[in-house]
Amino acid sequence: MSVSSLPPGWGEPSTPYGAPPPGNGAAPLWVYAGFWWRVWAFLIDAVILGVIETVLGFFIGPDISLQWKELPIPDGSGRSMDVVDVASYLQPQHVSVLVPYVHTGVWHGPSLCLALVPAVYFILFQSSHLGATPGKMACRLRLVTYDGGRVGFWRATLRFVIKAFISFPFFYIGVLMVAFTRRKQGLHDLIARTMVVRRANGQAVPFQPHD
């Protein structure tokens, strides 16, 4: 892949990520992935994660059962009644009420496992040789470093943590930055020094790369 086919700002990488070996045809054209391409990729990943967590929740979720709570008879005796008593003792002035409620087991362990699913999903996919989650791959997107290289495990982890705890919670400002920054980077990309690029059809236009 020649420098002229890289997005502005990449400098002069020695071996850009995803570049084909010499003699295997023309190099692909990579451009910065725009805001809406990244939204579509995220929505695809969200659907996949929803299915995964639903299936896991079915197997590791706590038991849920419907139980009944008996209220005392309003005659001052404090005595409670079961269903048989109600059937045999029911009088207009003595009514016992059975209130249903949902009983669940302990949620701490399953909740922690389900909370870790998105982290494992994004970090492992984006730090792998694929460089992208299934959603990004469907949209022909790839996460790379500034020199076009593969994003390592710890860099992908840092990016996910910033995205999950800063970019999204604070009014999505860190995510909306993608629409306004020169390299289409969110706050998590700027801190982790990563970029999301898209494989596009067409011919590269020569330009002078920036630092």
C-alpha atoms as a PDB file:
ATOM      1  CA  MET A   1       0.000   0.000   0.000  1.00  0.00           C
ATOM      2  CA  SER A   2       1.538   3.291  -1.011  1.00  0.00           C
ATOM      3  CA  VAL A   3       1.488   6.449   1.088  1.00  0.00           C
ATOM      4  CA  SER A   4      -0.851   8.066  -1.442  1.00  0.00           C
ATOM      5  CA  SER A   5      -3.543   5.486  -0.661  1.00  0.00           C
ATOM      6  CA  LEU A   6      -3.525   6.174   3.094  1.00  0.00           C
ATOM      7  CA  PRO A   7      -5.753   8.668   4.879  1.00  0.00           C
ATOM      8  CA  PRO A   8      -4.167  12.079   5.622  1.00  0.00           C
ATOM      9  CA  GLY A   9      -2.236  12.095   8.870  1.00  0.00           C
ATOM     10  CA  TRP A  10      -0.769   8.599   8.711  1.00  0.00           C
ATOM     11  CA  GLY A  11       2.741   9.816   7.956  1.00  0.00           C
ATOM     12  CA  GLU A  12       4.859   7.149   6.285  1.00  0.00           C
ATOM     13  CA  PRO A  13       4.135   3.756   7.842  1.00  0.00           C
ATOM     14  CA  SER A  14       6.533   0.972   7.013  1.00  0.00           C
ATOM     15  CA  THR A  15       3.958  -1.839   6.814  1.00  0.00           C
ATOM     16  CA  PRO A  16       0.370  -0.559   7.023  1.00  0.00           C
ATOM     17  CA  TYR A  17      -2.088  -2.877   8.725  1.00  0.00           C
ATOM     18  CA  GLY A  18      -4.039  -4.960   6.239  1.00  0.00           C
ATOM     19  CA  ALA A  19      -1.769  -4.204   3.296  1.00  0.00           C
ATOM     20  CA  PRO A  20      -1.526  -7.100   0.820  1.00  0.00           C
ATOM     21  CA  PRO A  21       1.867  -8.665   0.075  1.00  0.00           C
ATOM     22  CA  PRO A  22       3.688  -7.276  -2.959  1.00  0.00           C
ATOM     23  CA  GLY A  23       2.567  -8.737  -6.259  1.00  0.00           C
ATOM     24  CA  ASN A  24      -0.967  -9.657  -5.058  1.00  0.00           C
ATOM     25  CA  GLY A  25      -2.776  -6.940  -6.962  1.00  0.00           C
ATOM     26  CA  ALA A  26      -3.624  -3.316  -6.295  1.00  0.00           C
ATOM     27  CA  ALA A  27      -3.553  -2.034  -2.733  1.00  0.00           C
ATOM     28  CA  PRO A  28      -6.955  -1.270  -1.198  1.00  0.00           C
ATOM     29  CA  LEU A  29      -8.021   2.304  -0.560  1.00  0.00           C
ATOM     30  CA  TRP A  30      -8.559   3.129   3.105  1.00  0.00           C
ATOM     31  CA  VAL A  31     -10.373   6.249   4.290  1.00  0.00           C
ATOM     32  CA  TYR A  32     -11.354   7.504   7.722  1.00  0.00           C
ATOM     33  CA  ALA A  33     -14.628   5.890   8.811  1.00  0.00           C
ATOM     34  CA  GLY A  34     -17.353   8.504   9.153  1.00  0.00           C
ATOM     35  CA  PHE A  35     -19.765   8.913  12.051  1.00  0.00           C
ATOM     36  CA  TRP A  36     -22.721   7.080  10.525  1.00  0.00           C
ATOM     37  CA  TRP A  37     -20.664   4.099   9.343  1.00  0.00           C
ATOM     38  CA  ARG A  38     -19.529   3.648  12.919  1.00  0.00           C
ATOM     39  CA  VAL A  39     -23.114   3.972  14.186  1.00  0.00           C
ATOM     40  CA  TRP A  40     -24.284   1.179  11.849  1.00  0.00           C
ATOM     41  CA  ALA A  41     -21.388  -1.020  12.941  1.00  0.00           C
ATOM     42  CA  PHE A  42     -22.198  -0.396  16.606  1.00  0.00           C
ATOM     43  CA  LEU A  43     -25.877  -1.249  16.075  1.00  0.00           C
ATOM     44  CA  ILE A  44     -24.931  -4.565  14.468  1.00  0.00           C
ATOM     45  CA  ASP A  45     -22.629  -5.339  17.402  1.00  0.00           C
ATOM     46  CA  ALA A  46     -25.394  -4.335  19.843  1.00  0.00           C
ATOM     47  CA  VAL A  47     -27.797  -6.833  18.267  1.00  0.00           C
ATOM     48  CA  ILE A  48     -25.171  -9.595  18.401  1.00  0.00           C
ATOM     49  CA  LEU A  49     -24.369  -8.782  22.035  1.00  0.00           C
ATOM     50  CA  GLY A  50     -28.066  -8.755  22.887  1.00  0.00           C
ATOM     51  CA  VAL A  51     -28.483 -12.270  21.519  1.00  0.00           C
ATOM     52  CA  ILE A  52     -25.364 -13.511  23.342  1.00  0.00           C
ATOM     53  CA  GLU A  53     -26.427 -12.026  26.683  1.00  0.00           C
ATOM     54  CA  THR A  54     -29.981 -13.349  26.307  1.00  0.00           C
ATOM     55  CA  VAL A  55     -28.702 -16.881  25.741  1.00  0.00           C
ATOM     56  CA  LEU A  56     -26.190 -16.632  28.594  1.00  0.00           C
ATOM     57  CA  GLY A  57     -28.827 -15.168  30.889  1.00  0.00           C
ATOM     58  CA  PHE A  58     -31.041 -18.180  30.220  1.00  0.00           C
ATOM     59  CA  PHE A  59     -28.314 -20.558  31.422  1.00  0.00           C
ATOM     60  CA  ILE A  60     -26.607 -18.604  34.202  1.00  0.00           C
ATOM     61  CA  GLY A  61     -29.424 -16.373  35.413  1.00  0.00           C
ATOM     62  CA  PRO A  62     -30.924 -16.974  38.883  1.00  0.00           C
ATOM     63  CA  ASP A  63     -34.096 -19.004  39.377  1.00  0.00           C
ATOM     64  CA  ILE A  64     -37.228 -16.885  39.243  1.00  0.00           C
ATOM     65  CA  SER A  65     -40.432 -18.121  40.875  1.00  0.00           C
ATOM     66  CA  LEU A  66     -43.857 -16.706  41.728  1.00  0.00           C
ATOM     67  CA  GLN A  67     -44.715 -16.986  45.417  1.00  0.00           C
ATOM     68  CA  TRP A  68     -47.597 -15.836  47.590  1.00  0.00           C
ATOM     69  CA  LYS A  69     -47.513 -13.736  50.718  1.00  0.00           C
ATOM     70  CA  GLU A  70     -50.378 -14.045  53.198  1.00  0.00           C
ATOM     71  CA  LEU A  71     -51.703 -10.925  54.899  1.00  0.00           C
ATOM     72  CA  PRO A  72     -53.180 -11.154  58.445  1.00  0.00           C
ATOM     73  CA  ILE A  73     -56.966 -11.231  58.876  1.00  0.00           C
ATOM     74  CA  PRO A  74     -58.159  -7.735  59.728  1.00  0.00           C
ATOM     75  CA  ASP A  75     -59.828  -8.801  62.982  1.00  0.00           C
ATOM     76  CA  GLY A  76     -56.987  -7.971  65.356  1.00  0.00           C
ATOM     77  CA  SER A  77     -56.060 -11.591  66.033  1.00  0.00           C
ATOM     78  CA  GLY A  78     -52.893 -11.488  63.965  1.00  0.00           C
ATOM     79  CA  ARG A  79     -53.649 -14.974  62.625  1.00  0.00           C
ATOM     80  CA  SER A  80     -52.875 -15.675  58.970  1.00  0.00           C
ATOM     81  CA  MET A  81     -54.658 -18.096  56.681  1.00  0.00           C
ATOM     82  CA  ASP A  82     -53.665 -20.379  53.841  1.00  0.00           C
ATOM     83  CA  VAL A  83     -55.750 -21.161  50.770  1.00  0.00           C
ATOM     84  CA  VAL A  84     -57.708 -23.954  52.520  1.00  0.00           C
ATOM     85  CA  ASP A  85     -58.547 -21.709  55.439  1.00  0.00           C
ATOM     86  CA  VAL A  86     -59.787 -19.007  53.110  1.00  0.00           C
ATOM     87  CA  ALA A  87     -62.106 -21.465  51.366  1.00  0.00           C
ATOM     88  CA  SER A  88     -63.591 -22.775  54.639  1.00  0.00           C
ATOM     89  CA  TYR A  89     -63.541 -19.652  56.796  1.00  0.00           C
ATOM     90  CA  LEU A  90     -64.363 -16.883  54.352  1.00  0.00           C
ATOM     91  CA  GLN A  91     -66.981 -14.512  55.717  1.00  0.00           C
ATOM     92  CA  PRO A  92     -67.981 -11.055  54.544  1.00  0.00           C
ATOM     93  CA  GLN A  93     -66.363  -9.420  57.561  1.00  0.00           C
ATOM     94  CA  HIS A  94     -63.212 -11.587  57.520  1.00  0.00           C
ATOM     95  CA  VAL A  95     -61.227 -11.503  54.299  1.00  0.00           C
ATOM     96  CA  SER A  96     -57.655 -12.728  53.938  1.00  0.00           C
ATOM     97  CA  VAL A  97     -55.602 -11.427  51.015  1.00  0.00           C
ATOM     98  CA  LEU A  98     -52.903 -13.455  49.263  1.00  0.00           C
ATOM     99  CA  VAL A  99     -50.425 -11.150  47.515  1.00  0.00           C
ATOM    100  CA  PRO A 100     -48.228 -12.593  44.719  1.00  0.00           C
ATOM    101  CA  TYR A 101     -44.588 -11.551  44.423  1.00  0.00           C
ATOM    102  CA  VAL A 102     -41.643 -12.622  42.286  1.00  0.00           C
ATOM    103  CA  HIS A 103     -38.786 -14.321  44.111  1.00  0.00           C
ATOM    104  CA  THR A 104     -35.348 -14.263  42.505  1.00  0.00           C
ATOM    105  CA  GLY A 105     -32.045 -15.783  43.517  1.00  0.00           C
ATOM    106  CA  VAL A 106     -28.713 -14.008  43.907  1.00  0.00           C
ATOM    107  CA  TRP A 107     -27.921 -11.767  40.929  1.00  0.00           C
ATOM    108  CA  HIS A 108     -24.350 -10.708  41.768  1.00  0.00           C
ATOM    109  CA  GLY A 109     -22.447 -13.464  39.964  1.00  0.00           C
ATOM    110  CA  PRO A 110     -24.591 -13.608  36.807  1.00  0.00           C
ATOM    111  CA  SER A 111     -24.730  -9.812  36.589  1.00  0.00           C
ATOM    112  CA  LEU A 112     -20.947  -9.571  36.735  1.00  0.00           C
ATOM    113  CA  CYS A 113     -20.569 -12.211  34.010  1.00  0.00           C
ATOM    114  CA  LEU A 114     -23.080 -10.471  31.743  1.00  0.00           C
ATOM    115  CA  ALA A 115     -21.411  -7.095  32.352  1.00  0.00           C
ATOM    116  CA  LEU A 116     -18.071  -8.517  31.219  1.00  0.00           C
ATOM    117  CA  VAL A 117     -19.460  -9.866  27.944  1.00  0.00           C
ATOM    118  CA  PRO A 118     -19.224  -6.522  26.033  1.00  0.00           C
ATOM    119  CA  ALA A 119     -15.682  -5.959  27.321  1.00  0.00           C
ATOM    120  CA  VAL A 120     -14.514  -9.400  26.209  1.00  0.00           C
ATOM    121  CA  TYR A 121     -16.324  -9.028  22.876  1.00  0.00           C
ATOM    122  CA  PHE A 122     -14.864  -5.644  21.895  1.00  0.00           C
ATOM    123  CA  ILE A 123     -11.371  -6.078  23.347  1.00  0.00           C
ATOM    124  CA  LEU A 124     -10.674  -9.526  21.932  1.00  0.00           C
ATOM    125  CA  PHE A 125     -12.095  -8.850  18.476  1.00  0.00           C
ATOM    126  CA  GLN A 126     -10.400  -5.476  18.053  1.00  0.00           C
ATOM    127  CA  SER A 127      -7.019  -6.642  19.338  1.00  0.00           C
ATOM    128  CA  SER A 128      -7.066  -9.788  17.194  1.00  0.00           C
ATOM    129  CA  HIS A 129      -5.607 -10.145  13.708  1.00  0.00           C
ATOM    130  CA  LEU A 130      -9.075  -9.186  12.402  1.00  0.00           C
ATOM    131  CA  GLY A 131      -8.801  -5.728  13.928  1.00  0.00           C
ATOM    132  CA  ALA A 132     -12.586  -5.394  13.997  1.00  0.00           C
ATOM    133  CA  THR A 133     -15.758  -6.652  15.608  1.00  0.00           C
ATOM    134  CA  PRO A 134     -18.343  -8.456  13.452  1.00  0.00           C
ATOM    135  CA  GLY A 135     -20.244  -5.185  13.138  1.00  0.00           C
ATOM    136  CA  LYS A 136     -17.173  -3.355  11.902  1.00  0.00           C
ATOM    137  CA  MET A 137     -16.312  -6.173   9.521  1.00  0.00           C
ATOM    138  CA  ALA A 138     -19.826  -6.039   8.068  1.00  0.00           C
ATOM    139  CA  CYS A 139     -19.293  -2.334   7.371  1.00  0.00           C
ATOM    140  CA  ARG A 140     -15.710  -2.916   6.141  1.00  0.00           C
ATOM    141  CA  LEU A 141     -14.212  -0.984   9.055  1.00  0.00           C
ATOM    142  CA  ARG A 142     -11.001  -1.680  10.912  1.00  0.00           C
ATOM    143  CA  LEU A 143      -9.394  -0.339  14.079  1.00  0.00           C
ATOM    144  CA  VAL A 144      -5.730   0.587  13.644  1.00  0.00           C
ATOM    145  CA  THR A 145      -2.946   2.536  15.315  1.00  0.00           C
ATOM    146  CA  TYR A 146      -1.639   5.815  13.923  1.00  0.00           C
ATOM    147  CA  ASP A 147       0.866   4.024  11.703  1.00  0.00           C
ATOM    148  CA  GLY A 148      -1.748   1.590  10.403  1.00  0.00           C
ATOM    149  CA  GLY A 149      -0.615  -1.249  12.665  1.00  0.00           C
ATOM    150  CA  ARG A 150      -2.509  -3.798  14.706  1.00  0.00           C
ATOM    151  CA  VAL A 151      -4.021  -2.604  17.976  1.00  0.00           C
ATOM    152  CA  GLY A 152      -2.660  -4.585  20.916  1.00  0.00           C
ATOM    153  CA  PHE A 153      -4.622  -6.045  23.817  1.00  0.00           C
ATOM    154  CA  TRP A 154      -3.809  -3.334  26.361  1.00  0.00           C
ATOM    155  CA  ARG A 155      -4.462  -0.504  23.921  1.00  0.00           C
ATOM    156  CA  ALA A 156      -7.827  -2.074  23.025  1.00  0.00           C
ATOM    157  CA  THR A 157      -8.590  -2.411  26.750  1.00  0.00           C
ATOM    158  CA  LEU A 158      -7.757   1.249  27.408  1.00  0.00           C
ATOM    159  CA  ARG A 159      -9.936   2.291  24.478  1.00  0.00           C
ATOM    160  CA  PHE A 160     -12.889   0.232  25.727  1.00  0.00           C
ATOM    161  CA  VAL A 161     -12.613   1.553  29.303  1.00  0.00           C
ATOM    162  CA  ILE A 162     -12.541   5.197  28.135  1.00  0.00           C
ATOM    163  CA  LYS A 163     -15.436   4.558  25.767  1.00  0.00           C
ATOM    164  CA  ALA A 164     -17.574   2.750  28.362  1.00  0.00           C
ATOM    165  CA  PHE A 165     -16.948   5.068  31.317  1.00  0.00           C
ATOM    166  CA  ILE A 166     -16.367   8.488  29.716  1.00  0.00           C
ATOM    167  CA  SER A 167     -17.343   8.730  26.040  1.00  0.00           C
ATOM    168  CA  PHE A 168     -20.815   7.198  26.458  1.00  0.00           C
ATOM    169  CA  PRO A 169     -21.929   8.252  29.980  1.00  0.00           C
ATOM    170  CA  PHE A 170     -21.168  11.981  29.629  1.00  0.00           C
ATOM    171  CA  PHE A 171     -23.939  12.829  27.161  1.00  0.00           C
ATOM    172  CA  TYR A 172     -22.167  10.866  24.382  1.00  0.00           C
ATOM    173  CA  ILE A 173     -19.829  13.817  23.854  1.00  0.00           C
ATOM    174  CA  GLY A 174     -16.812  11.557  23.431  1.00  0.00           C
ATOM    175  CA  VAL A 175     -18.674   9.648  20.708  1.00  0.00           C
ATOM    176  CA  LEU A 176     -20.077  12.720  18.926  1.00  0.00           C
ATOM    177  CA  MET A 177     -16.510  13.993  18.547  1.00  0.00           C
ATOM    178  CA  VAL A 178     -16.195  11.498  15.664  1.00  0.00           C
ATOM    179  CA  ALA A 179     -18.309  13.808  13.509  1.00  0.00           C
ATOM    180  CA  PHE A 180     -16.082  16.850  14.101  1.00  0.00           C
ATOM    181  CA  THR A 181     -12.463  15.711  14.407  1.00  0.00           C
ATOM    182  CA  ARG A 182     -10.130  15.650  11.401  1.00  0.00           C
ATOM    183  CA  ARG A 183      -9.367  11.949  11.628  1.00  0.00           C
ATOM    184  CA  LYS A 184     -12.937  11.023  12.672  1.00  0.00           C
ATOM    185  CA  GLN A 185     -11.793  10.080  16.169  1.00  0.00           C
ATOM    186  CA  GLY A 186     -13.788   9.856  19.360  1.00  0.00           C
ATOM    187  CA  LEU A 187     -12.344  10.740  22.747  1.00  0.00           C
ATOM    188  CA  HIS A 188     -11.480   7.059  23.305  1.00  0.00           C
ATOM    189  CA  ASP A 189      -9.581   7.025  19.981  1.00  0.00           C
ATOM    190  CA  LEU A 190      -7.628  10.168  20.853  1.00  0.00           C
ATOM    191  CA  ILE A 191      -6.577   8.832  24.256  1.00  0.00           C
ATOM    192  CA  ALA A 192      -5.726   5.335  22.987  1.00  0.00           C
ATOM    193  CA  ARG A 193      -4.144   6.786  19.808  1.00  0.00           C
ATOM    194  CA  THR A 194      -6.251   4.678  17.473  1.00  0.00           C
ATOM    195  CA  MET A 195      -8.286   5.326  14.335  1.00  0.00           C
ATOM    196  CA  VAL A 196     -11.151   3.577  12.601  1.00  0.00           C
ATOM    197  CA  VAL A 197     -10.690   3.315   8.850  1.00  0.00           C
ATOM    198  CA  ARG A 198     -12.947   2.014   6.123  1.00  0.00           C
ATOM    199  CA  ARG A 199     -12.062   0.066   3.028  1.00  0.00           C
ATOM    200  CA  ALA A 200     -13.570   1.984   0.136  1.00  0.00           C
ATOM    201  CA  ASN A 201     -13.916   1.402  -3.575  1.00  0.00           C
ATOM    202  CA  GLY A 202     -12.302   3.852  -5.924  1.00  0.00           C
ATOM    203  CA  GLN A 203      -8.940   5.333  -6.732  1.00  0.00           C
ATOM    204  CA  ALA A 204      -6.691   7.120  -4.282  1.00  0.00           C
ATOM    205  CA  VAL A 205      -6.107  10.804  -4.857  1.00  0.00           C
ATOM    206  CA  PRO A 206      -2.461  11.811  -4.297  1.00  0.00           C
ATOM    207  CA  PHE A 207      -1.861  14.171  -1.404  1.00  0.00           C
ATOM    208  CA  GLN A 208       0.910  15.280   0.906  1.00  0.00           C
ATOM    209  CA  PRO A 209       0.515  13.374   4.207  1.00  0.00           C
ATOM    210  CA  HIS A 210       0.455  15.434   7.410  1.00  0.00           C
ATOM    211  CA  ASP A 211       2.205  14.737  10.690  1.00  0.00           C
END
